[in-house]
Amino acid sequence: MDYGSENDGQLIINGGTVIAAGSASMLEGVSDDSEQHSTTIVLEEQAKAGTSVKVKNAGGIVVLEQELSASFDAVTISIPAFESGENYTIIIGEECHSVTF
């Protein structure tokens, strides 16, 4: 996501589901002023179109699953299910990432 932080732009997420995937070279983080938790993951190698993104909570329940339609090497995810103090596993293709808020 490139929203122009160099010109005082901000990305504030206060609700809803956001899955933004694209090039890590254009990546800008979500503002700390956001009310909803988010995470950004940069992949080891580019994922192809059709790659699945899955988020599981600490109990192993899938709280998000989405197939992305374009190739990407970075993804920002923000969903209402993200809660403070909780651990989540994010699976992107073959890569697994652990996130705690």
C-alpha atoms as a PDB file:
ATOM      1  CA  MET A   1       0.000   0.000   0.000  1.00  0.00           C
ATOM      2  CA  ASP A   2       1.309   3.381  -0.947  1.00  0.00           C
ATOM      3  CA  TYR A   3      -0.860   6.112   0.540  1.00  0.00           C
ATOM      4  CA  GLY A   4       1.613   8.979   0.570  1.00  0.00           C
ATOM      5  CA  SER A   5       2.979   9.093   4.102  1.00  0.00           C
ATOM      6  CA  GLU A   6       5.727  11.353   2.798  1.00  0.00           C
ATOM      7  CA  ASN A   7       2.944  13.924   2.263  1.00  0.00           C
ATOM      8  CA  ASP A   8       1.385  13.366   5.705  1.00  0.00           C
ATOM      9  CA  GLY A   9      -0.981  10.639   4.451  1.00  0.00           C
ATOM     10  CA  GLN A  10      -2.194   8.066   6.963  1.00  0.00           C
ATOM     11  CA  LEU A  11      -3.853   4.684   6.807  1.00  0.00           C
ATOM     12  CA  ILE A  12      -6.217   4.334   9.745  1.00  0.00           C
ATOM     13  CA  ILE A  13      -8.256   1.147  10.148  1.00  0.00           C
ATOM     14  CA  ASN A  14     -11.111   1.348  12.619  1.00  0.00           C
ATOM     15  CA  GLY A  15     -13.167  -1.655  11.530  1.00  0.00           C
ATOM     16  CA  GLY A  16     -14.003  -4.098   8.786  1.00  0.00           C
ATOM     17  CA  THR A  17     -11.805  -6.548   6.918  1.00  0.00           C
ATOM     18  CA  VAL A  18      -8.726  -5.371   5.052  1.00  0.00           C
ATOM     19  CA  ILE A  19      -6.465  -7.632   3.001  1.00  0.00           C
ATOM     20  CA  ALA A  20      -4.056  -5.514   0.989  1.00  0.00           C
ATOM     21  CA  ALA A  21      -1.439  -7.402  -1.006  1.00  0.00           C
ATOM     22  CA  GLY A  22       1.205  -6.105  -3.371  1.00  0.00           C
ATOM     23  CA  SER A  23       4.842  -5.154  -3.699  1.00  0.00           C
ATOM     24  CA  ALA A  24       6.975  -4.762  -0.580  1.00  0.00           C
ATOM     25  CA  SER A  25       8.844  -1.941  -2.327  1.00  0.00           C
ATOM     26  CA  MET A  26       5.722   0.261  -2.086  1.00  0.00           C
ATOM     27  CA  LEU A  27       4.734  -0.863   1.400  1.00  0.00           C
ATOM     28  CA  GLU A  28       3.708   1.618   4.066  1.00  0.00           C
ATOM     29  CA  GLY A  29       2.505   0.581   7.520  1.00  0.00           C
ATOM     30  CA  VAL A  30      -0.863   1.127   9.149  1.00  0.00           C
ATOM     31  CA  SER A  31      -1.090   4.165  11.434  1.00  0.00           C
ATOM     32  CA  ASP A  32      -0.727   3.662  15.184  1.00  0.00           C
ATOM     33  CA  ASP A  33      -3.916   5.750  15.468  1.00  0.00           C
ATOM     34  CA  SER A  34      -5.938   2.779  14.173  1.00  0.00           C
ATOM     35  CA  GLU A  35      -8.468   1.281  16.557  1.00  0.00           C
ATOM     36  CA  GLN A  36      -8.290  -2.201  14.989  1.00  0.00           C
ATOM     37  CA  HIS A  37      -5.204  -4.425  15.104  1.00  0.00           C
ATOM     38  CA  SER A  38      -3.372  -5.193  11.874  1.00  0.00           C
ATOM     39  CA  THR A  39      -0.255  -7.023  10.787  1.00  0.00           C
ATOM     40  CA  THR A  40       1.975  -6.731   7.762  1.00  0.00           C
ATOM     41  CA  ILE A  41       3.979  -9.668   6.486  1.00  0.00           C
ATOM     42  CA  VAL A  42       6.755  -9.528   3.894  1.00  0.00           C
ATOM     43  CA  LEU A  43       7.216 -12.899   2.231  1.00  0.00           C
ATOM     44  CA  GLU A  44      10.513 -14.652   1.574  1.00  0.00           C
ATOM     45  CA  GLU A  45       9.586 -14.974  -2.103  1.00  0.00           C
ATOM     46  CA  GLN A  46       6.787 -13.702  -4.302  1.00  0.00           C
ATOM     47  CA  ALA A  47       3.449 -15.522  -4.055  1.00  0.00           C
ATOM     48  CA  LYS A  48       1.576 -16.263  -7.258  1.00  0.00           C
ATOM     49  CA  ALA A  49      -1.973 -15.240  -8.073  1.00  0.00           C
ATOM     50  CA  GLY A  50      -4.340 -17.734  -6.481  1.00  0.00           C
ATOM     51  CA  THR A  51      -2.313 -18.061  -3.268  1.00  0.00           C
ATOM     52  CA  SER A  52      -4.460 -18.567  -0.188  1.00  0.00           C
ATOM     53  CA  VAL A  53      -4.180 -16.419   2.940  1.00  0.00           C
ATOM     54  CA  LYS A  54      -5.531 -18.088   6.086  1.00  0.00           C
ATOM     55  CA  VAL A  55      -5.679 -16.764   9.659  1.00  0.00           C
ATOM     56  CA  LYS A  56      -6.221 -19.139  12.589  1.00  0.00           C
ATOM     57  CA  ASN A  57      -6.818 -18.097  16.175  1.00  0.00           C
ATOM     58  CA  ALA A  58      -5.062 -19.736  19.159  1.00  0.00           C
ATOM     59  CA  GLY A  59      -7.735 -22.445  19.212  1.00  0.00           C
ATOM     60  CA  GLY A  60      -6.999 -23.387  15.609  1.00  0.00           C
ATOM     61  CA  ILE A  61     -10.257 -21.942  14.291  1.00  0.00           C
ATOM     62  CA  VAL A  62      -9.988 -20.292  10.866  1.00  0.00           C
ATOM     63  CA  VAL A  63     -11.140 -16.671  11.260  1.00  0.00           C
ATOM     64  CA  LEU A  64     -10.200 -15.607   7.717  1.00  0.00           C
ATOM     65  CA  GLU A  65      -9.486 -17.416   4.480  1.00  0.00           C
ATOM     66  CA  GLN A  66      -9.093 -15.681   1.154  1.00  0.00           C
ATOM     67  CA  GLU A  67      -7.528 -16.563  -2.189  1.00  0.00           C
ATOM     68  CA  LEU A  68      -5.725 -13.552  -3.661  1.00  0.00           C
ATOM     69  CA  SER A  69      -6.120 -12.780  -7.352  1.00  0.00           C
ATOM     70  CA  ALA A  70      -2.727 -11.206  -8.083  1.00  0.00           C
ATOM     71  CA  SER A  71       0.895 -11.996  -7.254  1.00  0.00           C
ATOM     72  CA  PHE A  72       2.381 -10.300  -4.173  1.00  0.00           C
ATOM     73  CA  ASP A  73       5.322 -10.329  -1.780  1.00  0.00           C
ATOM     74  CA  ALA A  74       3.753  -8.351   1.064  1.00  0.00           C
ATOM     75  CA  VAL A  75       0.322  -8.433   2.663  1.00  0.00           C
ATOM     76  CA  THR A  76      -1.391  -6.328   5.323  1.00  0.00           C
ATOM     77  CA  ILE A  77      -4.274  -7.943   7.184  1.00  0.00           C
ATOM     78  CA  SER A  78      -6.729  -6.331   9.582  1.00  0.00           C
ATOM     79  CA  ILE A  79      -9.864  -8.110  10.786  1.00  0.00           C
ATOM     80  CA  PRO A  80     -12.309  -7.532  13.644  1.00  0.00           C
ATOM     81  CA  ALA A  81     -11.350 -10.956  15.094  1.00  0.00           C
ATOM     82  CA  PHE A  82      -7.858  -9.703  16.050  1.00  0.00           C
ATOM     83  CA  GLU A  83      -7.917  -9.207  19.838  1.00  0.00           C
ATOM     84  CA  SER A  84      -5.316  -7.820  22.236  1.00  0.00           C
ATOM     85  CA  GLY A  85      -3.290 -10.487  24.041  1.00  0.00           C
ATOM     86  CA  GLU A  86      -4.231 -13.201  21.544  1.00  0.00           C
ATOM     87  CA  ASN A  87      -1.951 -15.244  19.279  1.00  0.00           C
ATOM     88  CA  TYR A  88      -2.753 -15.942  15.629  1.00  0.00           C
ATOM     89  CA  THR A  89      -1.179 -18.108  12.948  1.00  0.00           C
ATOM     90  CA  ILE A  90      -1.138 -16.632   9.465  1.00  0.00           C
ATOM     91  CA  ILE A  91      -0.572 -19.073   6.631  1.00  0.00           C
ATOM     92  CA  ILE A  92       0.283 -17.625   3.236  1.00  0.00           C
ATOM     93  CA  GLY A  93       0.847 -20.358   0.691  1.00  0.00           C
ATOM     94  CA  GLU A  94       3.493 -22.525   2.376  1.00  0.00           C
ATOM     95  CA  GLU A  95       4.743 -19.849   4.817  1.00  0.00           C
ATOM     96  CA  CYS A  96       3.491 -19.753   8.430  1.00  0.00           C
ATOM     97  CA  HIS A  97       3.785 -16.673  10.625  1.00  0.00           C
ATOM     98  CA  SER A  98       2.854 -16.182  14.263  1.00  0.00           C
ATOM     99  CA  VAL A  99       1.450 -12.854  15.449  1.00  0.00           C
ATOM    100  CA  THR A 100       0.458 -11.725  18.938  1.00  0.00           C
ATOM    101  CA  PHE A 101      -1.419  -8.485  19.582  1.00  0.00           C
END
